[in-house]
C-alpha atoms as a PDB file:
ATOM      1  CA  UNK A   1     -10.760 -18.372 -96.943  1.00  0.00           C
ATOM      2  CA  UNK A   2      -9.063 -15.137 -95.840  1.00  0.00           C
ATOM      3  CA  UNK A   3      -8.217 -15.438 -92.150  1.00  0.00           C
ATOM      4  CA  UNK A   4      -6.120 -12.290 -91.915  1.00  0.00           C
ATOM      5  CA  UNK A   5      -7.144 -10.157 -88.961  1.00  0.00           C
ATOM      6  CA  UNK A   6      -7.877  -6.418 -89.292  1.00  0.00           C
ATOM      7  CA  UNK A   7      -4.951  -4.172 -88.377  1.00  0.00           C
ATOM      8  CA  UNK A   8      -5.015  -1.626 -85.548  1.00  0.00           C
ATOM      9  CA  UNK A   9      -2.522   1.205 -85.012  1.00  0.00           C
ATOM     10  CA  UNK A  10      -2.230   3.513 -81.999  1.00  0.00           C
ATOM     11  CA  UNK A  11      -0.483   6.797 -82.797  1.00  0.00           C
ATOM     12  CA  UNK A  12       0.773   9.447 -80.380  1.00  0.00           C
ATOM     13  CA  UNK A  13       1.000  13.173 -81.023  1.00  0.00           C
ATOM     14  CA  UNK A  14       1.518  15.989 -78.475  1.00  0.00           C
ATOM     15  CA  UNK A  15       0.191  14.536 -75.222  1.00  0.00           C
ATOM     16  CA  UNK A  16       1.122  13.041 -71.861  1.00  0.00           C
ATOM     17  CA  UNK A  17       0.558   9.421 -73.018  1.00  0.00           C
ATOM     18  CA  UNK A  18      -2.257   9.094 -70.468  1.00  0.00           C
ATOM     19  CA  UNK A  19      -4.777   7.726 -72.973  1.00  0.00           C
ATOM     20  CA  UNK A  20      -2.356   5.053 -74.182  1.00  0.00           C
ATOM     21  CA  UNK A  21      -1.672   4.079 -70.576  1.00  0.00           C
ATOM     22  CA  UNK A  22      -5.417   3.884 -69.939  1.00  0.00           C
ATOM     23  CA  UNK A  23      -5.632   1.324 -72.745  1.00  0.00           C
ATOM     24  CA  UNK A  24      -2.719  -0.688 -71.366  1.00  0.00           C
ATOM     25  CA  UNK A  25      -4.248  -0.661 -67.899  1.00  0.00           C
ATOM     26  CA  UNK A  26      -7.266  -2.535 -69.256  1.00  0.00           C
ATOM     27  CA  UNK A  27      -5.328  -5.775 -68.965  1.00  0.00           C
ATOM     28  CA  UNK A  28      -7.447  -8.798 -69.913  1.00  0.00           C
ATOM     29  CA  UNK A  29      -9.972  -6.934 -72.121  1.00  0.00           C
ATOM     30  CA  UNK A  30      -7.080  -5.612 -74.201  1.00  0.00           C
ATOM     31  CA  UNK A  31      -5.647  -9.122 -74.551  1.00  0.00           C
ATOM     32  CA  UNK A  32      -9.076 -10.383 -75.603  1.00  0.00           C
ATOM     33  CA  UNK A  33      -9.257  -7.627 -78.219  1.00  0.00           C
ATOM     34  CA  UNK A  34      -5.798  -8.589 -79.486  1.00  0.00           C
ATOM     35  CA  UNK A  35      -7.212 -11.989 -80.450  1.00  0.00           C
ATOM     36  CA  UNK A  36      -9.541 -10.262 -82.904  1.00  0.00           C
ATOM     37  CA  UNK A  37      -7.121  -7.734 -84.392  1.00  0.00           C
ATOM     38  CA  UNK A  38      -3.467  -7.414 -85.304  1.00  0.00           C
ATOM     39  CA  UNK A  39      -1.946  -4.523 -83.322  1.00  0.00           C
ATOM     40  CA  UNK A  40       0.718  -3.391 -85.764  1.00  0.00           C
ATOM     41  CA  UNK A  41       1.737  -0.112 -84.109  1.00  0.00           C
ATOM     42  CA  UNK A  42       1.494   0.817 -80.435  1.00  0.00           C
ATOM     43  CA  UNK A  43       4.770   2.372 -79.262  1.00  0.00           C
ATOM     44  CA  UNK A  44       3.727   2.399 -75.617  1.00  0.00           C
ATOM     45  CA  UNK A  45       3.188  -1.370 -75.756  1.00  0.00           C
ATOM     46  CA  UNK A  46       5.988  -2.414 -78.103  1.00  0.00           C
ATOM     47  CA  UNK A  47       4.931  -2.902 -81.752  1.00  0.00           C
ATOM     48  CA  UNK A  48       6.429  -0.277 -84.080  1.00  0.00           C
ATOM     49  CA  UNK A  49       5.189   0.056 -87.658  1.00  0.00           C
ATOM     50  CA  UNK A  50       3.925   3.653 -87.974  1.00  0.00           C
ATOM     51  CA  UNK A  51       3.893   3.665 -91.779  1.00  0.00           C
ATOM     52  CA  UNK A  52       1.851   0.495 -92.341  1.00  0.00           C
ATOM     53  CA  UNK A  53      -1.755   0.644 -93.453  1.00  0.00           C
ATOM     54  CA  UNK A  54      -4.221   0.194 -90.585  1.00  0.00           C
ATOM     55  CA  UNK A  55      -7.891  -0.668 -90.861  1.00  0.00           C
ATOM     56  CA  UNK A  56      -8.456   1.224 -87.601  1.00  0.00           C
ATOM     57  CA  UNK A  57      -6.217   3.921 -86.121  1.00  0.00           C
ATOM     58  CA  UNK A  58      -6.490   5.404 -82.645  1.00  0.00           C
ATOM     59  CA  UNK A  59      -4.866   8.827 -82.458  1.00  0.00           C
ATOM     60  CA  UNK A  60      -3.871  10.399 -79.143  1.00  0.00           C
ATOM     61  CA  UNK A  61      -2.593  13.952 -78.750  1.00  0.00           C
ATOM     62  CA  UNK A  62      -2.899  17.326 -80.445  1.00  0.00           C
ATOM     63  CA  UNK A  63      -1.126  18.764 -83.472  1.00  0.00           C
ATOM     64  CA  UNK A  64       1.536  21.116 -82.109  1.00  0.00           C
ATOM     65  CA  UNK A  65       4.550  20.929 -84.462  1.00  0.00           C
ATOM     66  CA  UNK A  66       5.293  21.009 -88.191  1.00  0.00           C
ATOM     67  CA  UNK A  67       6.214  17.331 -87.954  1.00  0.00           C
ATOM     68  CA  UNK A  68       2.787  16.616 -86.460  1.00  0.00           C
ATOM     69  CA  UNK A  69       1.140  18.321 -89.435  1.00  0.00           C
ATOM     70  CA  UNK A  70       2.937  16.105 -91.925  1.00  0.00           C
ATOM     71  CA  UNK A  71       2.524  12.923 -89.909  1.00  0.00           C
ATOM     72  CA  UNK A  72      -1.242  13.197 -89.395  1.00  0.00           C
ATOM     73  CA  UNK A  73      -1.733  13.588 -93.152  1.00  0.00           C
ATOM     74  CA  UNK A  74       0.287  10.421 -93.743  1.00  0.00           C
ATOM     75  CA  UNK A  75      -1.646   8.494 -91.084  1.00  0.00           C
ATOM     76  CA  UNK A  76      -4.988   9.573 -92.535  1.00  0.00           C
ATOM     77  CA  UNK A  77      -3.906   8.395 -95.984  1.00  0.00           C
ATOM     78  CA  UNK A  78      -2.957   4.989 -94.550  1.00  0.00           C
ATOM     79  CA  UNK A  79      -6.024   4.441 -92.360  1.00  0.00           C
ATOM     80  CA  UNK A  80      -9.463   3.063 -93.054  1.00  0.00           C
ATOM     81  CA  UNK A  81     -11.280   4.342 -89.939  1.00  0.00           C
ATOM     82  CA  UNK A  82      -9.620   7.015 -87.788  1.00  0.00           C
ATOM     83  CA  UNK A  83     -10.661   7.578 -84.166  1.00  0.00           C
ATOM     84  CA  UNK A  84      -9.285  10.491 -82.152  1.00  0.00           C
ATOM     85  CA  UNK A  85      -9.079   9.614 -78.460  1.00  0.00           C
ATOM     86  CA  UNK A  86      -8.778  11.917 -75.460  1.00  0.00           C
ATOM     87  CA  UNK A  87      -9.070  15.653 -74.833  1.00  0.00           C
ATOM     88  CA  UNK A  88      -5.810  16.519 -76.599  1.00  0.00           C
ATOM     89  CA  UNK A  89      -6.856  14.826 -79.841  1.00  0.00           C
ATOM     90  CA  UNK A  90     -10.466  16.028 -79.772  1.00  0.00           C
ATOM     91  CA  UNK A  91     -10.035  19.638 -78.605  1.00  0.00           C
ATOM     92  CA  UNK A  92      -6.330  20.463 -78.344  1.00  0.00           C
ATOM     93  CA  UNK A  93      -6.140  19.532 -74.660  1.00  0.00           C
ATOM     94  CA  UNK A  94      -4.782  21.442 -71.695  1.00  0.00           C
ATOM     95  CA  UNK A  95      -1.820  22.570 -73.800  1.00  0.00           C
ATOM     96  CA  UNK A  96      -4.248  24.501 -76.022  1.00  0.00           C
ATOM     97  CA  UNK A  97      -4.390  27.119 -73.260  1.00  0.00           C
ATOM     98  CA  UNK A  98      -1.242  28.498 -74.866  1.00  0.00           C
ATOM     99  CA  UNK A  99      -3.369  29.453 -77.871  1.00  0.00           C
ATOM    100  CA  UNK A 100      -4.679  32.355 -75.798  1.00  0.00           C
ATOM    101  CA  UNK A 101      -1.289  33.994 -75.393  1.00  0.00           C
ATOM    102  CA  UNK A 102       2.025  34.491 -77.174  1.00  0.00           C
ATOM    103  CA  UNK A 103       3.742  31.100 -77.259  1.00  0.00           C
ATOM    104  CA  UNK A 104       7.158  32.676 -77.791  1.00  0.00           C
ATOM    105  CA  UNK A 105       6.842  34.533 -74.498  1.00  0.00           C
ATOM    106  CA  UNK A 106       6.344  31.472 -72.310  1.00  0.00           C
ATOM    107  CA  UNK A 107       8.809  29.354 -74.310  1.00  0.00           C
ATOM    108  CA  UNK A 108      11.518  31.876 -73.432  1.00  0.00           C
ATOM    109  CA  UNK A 109      10.370  31.886 -69.804  1.00  0.00           C
ATOM    110  CA  UNK A 110      10.368  28.084 -69.436  1.00  0.00           C
ATOM    111  CA  UNK A 111      13.212  26.694 -71.541  1.00  0.00           C
ATOM    112  CA  UNK A 112      16.916  27.393 -71.025  1.00  0.00           C
ATOM    113  CA  UNK A 113      17.497  26.963 -74.779  1.00  0.00           C
ATOM    114  CA  UNK A 114      14.301  28.255 -76.434  1.00  0.00           C
ATOM    115  CA  UNK A 115      15.980  28.161 -79.843  1.00  0.00           C
ATOM    116  CA  UNK A 116      15.767  24.354 -79.673  1.00  0.00           C
ATOM    117  CA  UNK A 117      11.973  24.418 -79.309  1.00  0.00           C
ATOM    118  CA  UNK A 118       9.977  24.268 -82.533  1.00  0.00           C
ATOM    119  CA  UNK A 119       6.231  24.669 -82.043  1.00  0.00           C
ATOM    120  CA  UNK A 120       3.275  25.869 -84.036  1.00  0.00           C
ATOM    121  CA  UNK A 121       1.564  28.937 -82.621  1.00  0.00           C
ATOM    122  CA  UNK A 122      -1.487  26.868 -81.620  1.00  0.00           C
ATOM    123  CA  UNK A 123      -2.216  23.395 -80.271  1.00  0.00           C
ATOM    124  CA  UNK A 124      -5.079  22.062 -82.358  1.00  0.00           C
ATOM    125  CA  UNK A 125      -7.331  18.968 -82.476  1.00  0.00           C
ATOM    126  CA  UNK A 126      -6.837  16.242 -85.060  1.00  0.00           C
ATOM    127  CA  UNK A 127     -10.148  17.026 -86.791  1.00  0.00           C
ATOM    128  CA  UNK A 128      -8.886  20.494 -87.675  1.00  0.00           C
ATOM    129  CA  UNK A 129      -6.406  18.926 -90.096  1.00  0.00           C
ATOM    130  CA  UNK A 130      -7.884  15.645 -91.392  1.00  0.00           C
ATOM    131  CA  UNK A 131     -11.212  13.860 -91.527  1.00  0.00           C
ATOM    132  CA  UNK A 132     -11.922  12.064 -88.253  1.00  0.00           C
ATOM    133  CA  UNK A 133     -14.448   9.241 -88.398  1.00  0.00           C
ATOM    134  CA  UNK A 134     -15.221   9.122 -84.670  1.00  0.00           C
ATOM    135  CA  UNK A 135     -14.183  10.972 -81.512  1.00  0.00           C
ATOM    136  CA  UNK A 136     -13.897   9.675 -77.957  1.00  0.00           C
ATOM    137  CA  UNK A 137     -13.391  12.455 -75.430  1.00  0.00           C
ATOM    138  CA  UNK A 138     -11.833  12.346 -71.977  1.00  0.00           C
ATOM    139  CA  UNK A 139      -8.711  13.145 -69.974  1.00  0.00           C
ATOM    140  CA  UNK A 140      -7.776  10.384 -69.895  1.00  0.00           C
ATOM    141  CA  UNK A 141     -10.088   8.575 -72.247  1.00  0.00           C
ATOM    142  CA  UNK A 142     -12.417   5.869 -70.926  1.00  0.00           C
ATOM    143  CA  UNK A 143     -10.595   2.813 -72.271  1.00  0.00           C
ATOM    144  CA  UNK A 144     -13.757   0.698 -72.149  1.00  0.00           C
ATOM    145  CA  UNK A 145     -15.375   3.133 -74.586  1.00  0.00           C
ATOM    146  CA  UNK A 146     -12.397   2.703 -76.909  1.00  0.00           C
ATOM    147  CA  UNK A 147     -12.594  -1.093 -76.824  1.00  0.00           C
ATOM    148  CA  UNK A 148     -16.361  -0.948 -77.392  1.00  0.00           C
ATOM    149  CA  UNK A 149     -15.873   1.305 -80.428  1.00  0.00           C
ATOM    150  CA  UNK A 150     -13.272  -1.050 -81.921  1.00  0.00           C
ATOM    151  CA  UNK A 151     -15.478  -4.091 -81.296  1.00  0.00           C
ATOM    152  CA  UNK A 152     -18.417  -2.291 -82.920  1.00  0.00           C
ATOM    153  CA  UNK A 153     -16.340  -1.646 -86.025  1.00  0.00           C
ATOM    154  CA  UNK A 154     -15.204  -5.260 -86.165  1.00  0.00           C
ATOM    155  CA  UNK A 155     -18.883  -6.249 -86.067  1.00  0.00           C
ATOM    156  CA  UNK A 156     -19.786  -3.849 -88.860  1.00  0.00           C
ATOM    157  CA  UNK A 157     -21.568  -1.423 -86.526  1.00  0.00           C
ATOM    158  CA  UNK A 158     -20.894   2.302 -86.435  1.00  0.00           C
ATOM    159  CA  UNK A 159     -19.797   3.356 -82.907  1.00  0.00           C
ATOM    160  CA  UNK A 160     -22.274   5.451 -80.932  1.00  0.00           C
ATOM    161  CA  UNK A 161     -21.423   8.512 -78.882  1.00  0.00           C
ATOM    162  CA  UNK A 162     -22.538   8.859 -75.259  1.00  0.00           C
ATOM    163  CA  UNK A 163     -25.252  11.552 -75.552  1.00  0.00           C
ATOM    164  CA  UNK A 164     -26.041  12.242 -71.895  1.00  0.00           C
ATOM    165  CA  UNK A 165     -24.527  14.864 -69.618  1.00  0.00           C
ATOM    166  CA  UNK A 166     -22.459  13.822 -66.629  1.00  0.00           C
ATOM    167  CA  UNK A 167     -25.296  14.803 -64.271  1.00  0.00           C
ATOM    168  CA  UNK A 168     -27.189  11.719 -65.403  1.00  0.00           C
ATOM    169  CA  UNK A 169     -24.309   9.502 -64.276  1.00  0.00           C
ATOM    170  CA  UNK A 170     -24.488  11.155 -60.839  1.00  0.00           C
ATOM    171  CA  UNK A 171     -28.226  10.507 -60.623  1.00  0.00           C
ATOM    172  CA  UNK A 172     -27.850   6.883 -61.679  1.00  0.00           C
ATOM    173  CA  UNK A 173     -25.191   6.273 -59.044  1.00  0.00           C
ATOM    174  CA  UNK A 174     -27.065   8.159 -56.321  1.00  0.00           C
ATOM    175  CA  UNK A 175     -24.315  10.724 -55.726  1.00  0.00           C
ATOM    176  CA  UNK A 176     -25.146  13.957 -53.951  1.00  0.00           C
ATOM    177  CA  UNK A 177     -25.082  16.967 -56.298  1.00  0.00           C
ATOM    178  CA  UNK A 178     -22.044  19.010 -55.254  1.00  0.00           C
ATOM    179  CA  UNK A 179     -23.369  22.059 -57.099  1.00  0.00           C
ATOM    180  CA  UNK A 180     -26.490  22.092 -54.923  1.00  0.00           C
ATOM    181  CA  UNK A 181     -25.301  20.589 -51.642  1.00  0.00           C
ATOM    182  CA  UNK A 182     -21.811  22.136 -51.442  1.00  0.00           C
ATOM    183  CA  UNK A 183     -22.099  25.136 -53.781  1.00  0.00           C
ATOM    184  CA  UNK A 184     -19.121  23.775 -55.736  1.00  0.00           C
ATOM    185  CA  UNK A 185     -18.630  25.145 -59.294  1.00  0.00           C
ATOM    186  CA  UNK A 186     -19.385  21.805 -60.940  1.00  0.00           C
ATOM    187  CA  UNK A 187     -19.285  21.548 -64.742  1.00  0.00           C
ATOM    188  CA  UNK A 188     -21.416  18.396 -64.750  1.00  0.00           C
ATOM    189  CA  UNK A 189     -24.553  20.007 -66.261  1.00  0.00           C
ATOM    190  CA  UNK A 190     -22.693  20.849 -69.491  1.00  0.00           C
ATOM    191  CA  UNK A 191     -20.196  17.963 -69.620  1.00  0.00           C
ATOM    192  CA  UNK A 192     -20.413  14.768 -71.642  1.00  0.00           C
ATOM    193  CA  UNK A 193     -20.732  11.625 -69.553  1.00  0.00           C
ATOM    194  CA  UNK A 194     -18.280   8.762 -69.681  1.00  0.00           C
ATOM    195  CA  UNK A 195     -16.072   8.950 -66.596  1.00  0.00           C
ATOM    196  CA  UNK A 196     -18.662   7.549 -64.206  1.00  0.00           C
ATOM    197  CA  UNK A 197     -18.854  10.930 -62.440  1.00  0.00           C
ATOM    198  CA  UNK A 198     -15.479  10.267 -60.838  1.00  0.00           C
ATOM    199  CA  UNK A 199     -14.922  13.670 -59.229  1.00  0.00           C
ATOM    200  CA  UNK A 200     -18.482  14.128 -57.885  1.00  0.00           C
ATOM    201  CA  UNK A 201     -18.301  10.608 -56.436  1.00  0.00           C
ATOM    202  CA  UNK A 202     -15.484  11.953 -54.232  1.00  0.00           C
ATOM    203  CA  UNK A 203     -17.364  15.127 -53.330  1.00  0.00           C
ATOM    204  CA  UNK A 204     -15.477  17.265 -55.840  1.00  0.00           C
ATOM    205  CA  UNK A 205     -16.715  19.446 -58.675  1.00  0.00           C
ATOM    206  CA  UNK A 206     -16.429  18.178 -62.252  1.00  0.00           C
ATOM    207  CA  UNK A 207     -13.706  19.869 -64.330  1.00  0.00           C
ATOM    208  CA  UNK A 208     -15.243  18.831 -67.660  1.00  0.00           C
ATOM    209  CA  UNK A 209     -12.508  16.421 -68.746  1.00  0.00           C
ATOM    210  CA  UNK A 210     -14.968  14.845 -71.194  1.00  0.00           C
ATOM    211  CA  UNK A 211     -15.841  18.013 -73.055  1.00  0.00           C
ATOM    212  CA  UNK A 212     -19.208  19.560 -73.874  1.00  0.00           C
ATOM    213  CA  UNK A 213     -22.441  17.574 -73.846  1.00  0.00           C
ATOM    214  CA  UNK A 214     -24.754  17.788 -76.845  1.00  0.00           C
ATOM    215  CA  UNK A 215     -26.915  20.506 -75.278  1.00  0.00           C
ATOM    216  CA  UNK A 216     -24.863  23.107 -73.410  1.00  0.00           C
ATOM    217  CA  UNK A 217     -26.833  25.719 -71.464  1.00  0.00           C
ATOM    218  CA  UNK A 218     -23.737  27.729 -70.604  1.00  0.00           C
ATOM    219  CA  UNK A 219     -25.683  30.898 -69.808  1.00  0.00           C
ATOM    220  CA  UNK A 220     -27.631  29.220 -67.002  1.00  0.00           C
ATOM    221  CA  UNK A 221     -24.520  27.573 -65.560  1.00  0.00           C
ATOM    222  CA  UNK A 222     -22.535  30.820 -65.724  1.00  0.00           C
ATOM    223  CA  UNK A 223     -25.353  32.562 -63.852  1.00  0.00           C
ATOM    224  CA  UNK A 224     -25.287  29.817 -61.215  1.00  0.00           C
ATOM    225  CA  UNK A 225     -21.518  30.201 -60.838  1.00  0.00           C
ATOM    226  CA  UNK A 226     -21.943  33.959 -60.434  1.00  0.00           C
ATOM    227  CA  UNK A 227     -24.435  33.325 -57.636  1.00  0.00           C
ATOM    228  CA  UNK A 228     -21.853  31.030 -56.041  1.00  0.00           C
ATOM    229  CA  UNK A 229     -19.406  33.937 -55.933  1.00  0.00           C
ATOM    230  CA  UNK A 230     -17.174  33.200 -58.941  1.00  0.00           C
ATOM    231  CA  UNK A 231     -15.770  36.120 -60.917  1.00  0.00           C
ATOM    232  CA  UNK A 232     -16.222  36.328 -64.685  1.00  0.00           C
ATOM    233  CA  UNK A 233     -12.564  35.382 -65.109  1.00  0.00           C
ATOM    234  CA  UNK A 234     -12.968  32.321 -62.890  1.00  0.00           C
ATOM    235  CA  UNK A 235     -16.041  31.240 -64.859  1.00  0.00           C
ATOM    236  CA  UNK A 236     -14.153  31.602 -68.130  1.00  0.00           C
ATOM    237  CA  UNK A 237     -11.356  29.474 -66.709  1.00  0.00           C
ATOM    238  CA  UNK A 238     -13.814  26.715 -65.797  1.00  0.00           C
ATOM    239  CA  UNK A 239     -14.965  26.491 -69.411  1.00  0.00           C
ATOM    240  CA  UNK A 240     -11.488  26.815 -70.903  1.00  0.00           C
ATOM    241  CA  UNK A 241      -9.389  24.635 -68.586  1.00  0.00           C
ATOM    242  CA  UNK A 242      -9.615  21.171 -70.165  1.00  0.00           C
ATOM    243  CA  UNK A 243     -11.235  21.695 -73.582  1.00  0.00           C
ATOM    244  CA  UNK A 244     -10.732  25.330 -74.530  1.00  0.00           C
ATOM    245  CA  UNK A 245     -10.855  24.629 -78.277  1.00  0.00           C
ATOM    246  CA  UNK A 246     -14.193  22.823 -78.167  1.00  0.00           C
ATOM    247  CA  UNK A 247     -16.424  25.420 -79.890  1.00  0.00           C
ATOM    248  CA  UNK A 248     -19.195  25.282 -77.262  1.00  0.00           C
ATOM    249  CA  UNK A 249     -16.761  25.857 -74.391  1.00  0.00           C
ATOM    250  CA  UNK A 250     -14.611  28.375 -76.245  1.00  0.00           C
ATOM    251  CA  UNK A 251     -17.670  30.528 -76.899  1.00  0.00           C
ATOM    252  CA  UNK A 252     -19.039  30.020 -73.382  1.00  0.00           C
ATOM    253  CA  UNK A 253     -15.769  31.193 -71.862  1.00  0.00           C
ATOM    254  CA  UNK A 254     -15.681  34.264 -74.061  1.00  0.00           C
ATOM    255  CA  UNK A 255     -19.265  35.144 -73.157  1.00  0.00           C
ATOM    256  CA  UNK A 256     -18.524  34.702 -69.465  1.00  0.00           C
ATOM    257  CA  UNK A 257     -15.540  37.020 -69.712  1.00  0.00           C
ATOM    258  CA  UNK A 258     -17.544  39.678 -71.553  1.00  0.00           C
ATOM    259  CA  UNK A 259     -20.164  39.624 -68.787  1.00  0.00           C
ATOM    260  CA  UNK A 260     -17.603  41.031 -66.384  1.00  0.00           C
ATOM    261  CA  UNK A 261     -16.642  43.977 -68.548  1.00  0.00           C
END
């Protein structure tokens, strides 16, 4: 009888490592998962075998360099089921804001030796370059969602995506709506749930770390933000801040900007 455990690899691209740290911070659940799988590559945790075949690969970070382009192709070829985790991997992340300007300009402004910096013009999501079997959004990712997805795969079940908007999480928890009660420019109505409505639970507006929900009524939310006193530029920035390369938010931001012209 074959008792070999499935292999799991965790790969990092251009990112802050926050999603990997979120996994490590799980503690006991991660140790329990390690009894079911063989973690062959997870640089943040210790194991290093980036070129080995993995039944499941978790990919954090965006593609931002020529090396990234080559490496993601190699990983895809050596992976059975590839899951992109976090905002950087699913939509290019915060660093994708540079896609809206000339990268060479800010590289020269930031780095003392810009000639040592080698970047692609754009920061792009993993799915723009290879086939991605499943995406888990978030900044950082909800590590419990990641573990659930891996356990589903081990059980022969296809992982399911959270379909509801963040507003539903607020309602379930009984949090006061900051958009209504405090006139805060909250992105909850158009944002995918998964964080437990962390910011609204503290009386703050949602910044849409988890990307667009399935049904995005951006026109209605933009109108509400206008009534709250936000300029068209400020509204565009709300849509573009965390997930500017998510098509729904990219288009919503562009429409908001055009409204002010």
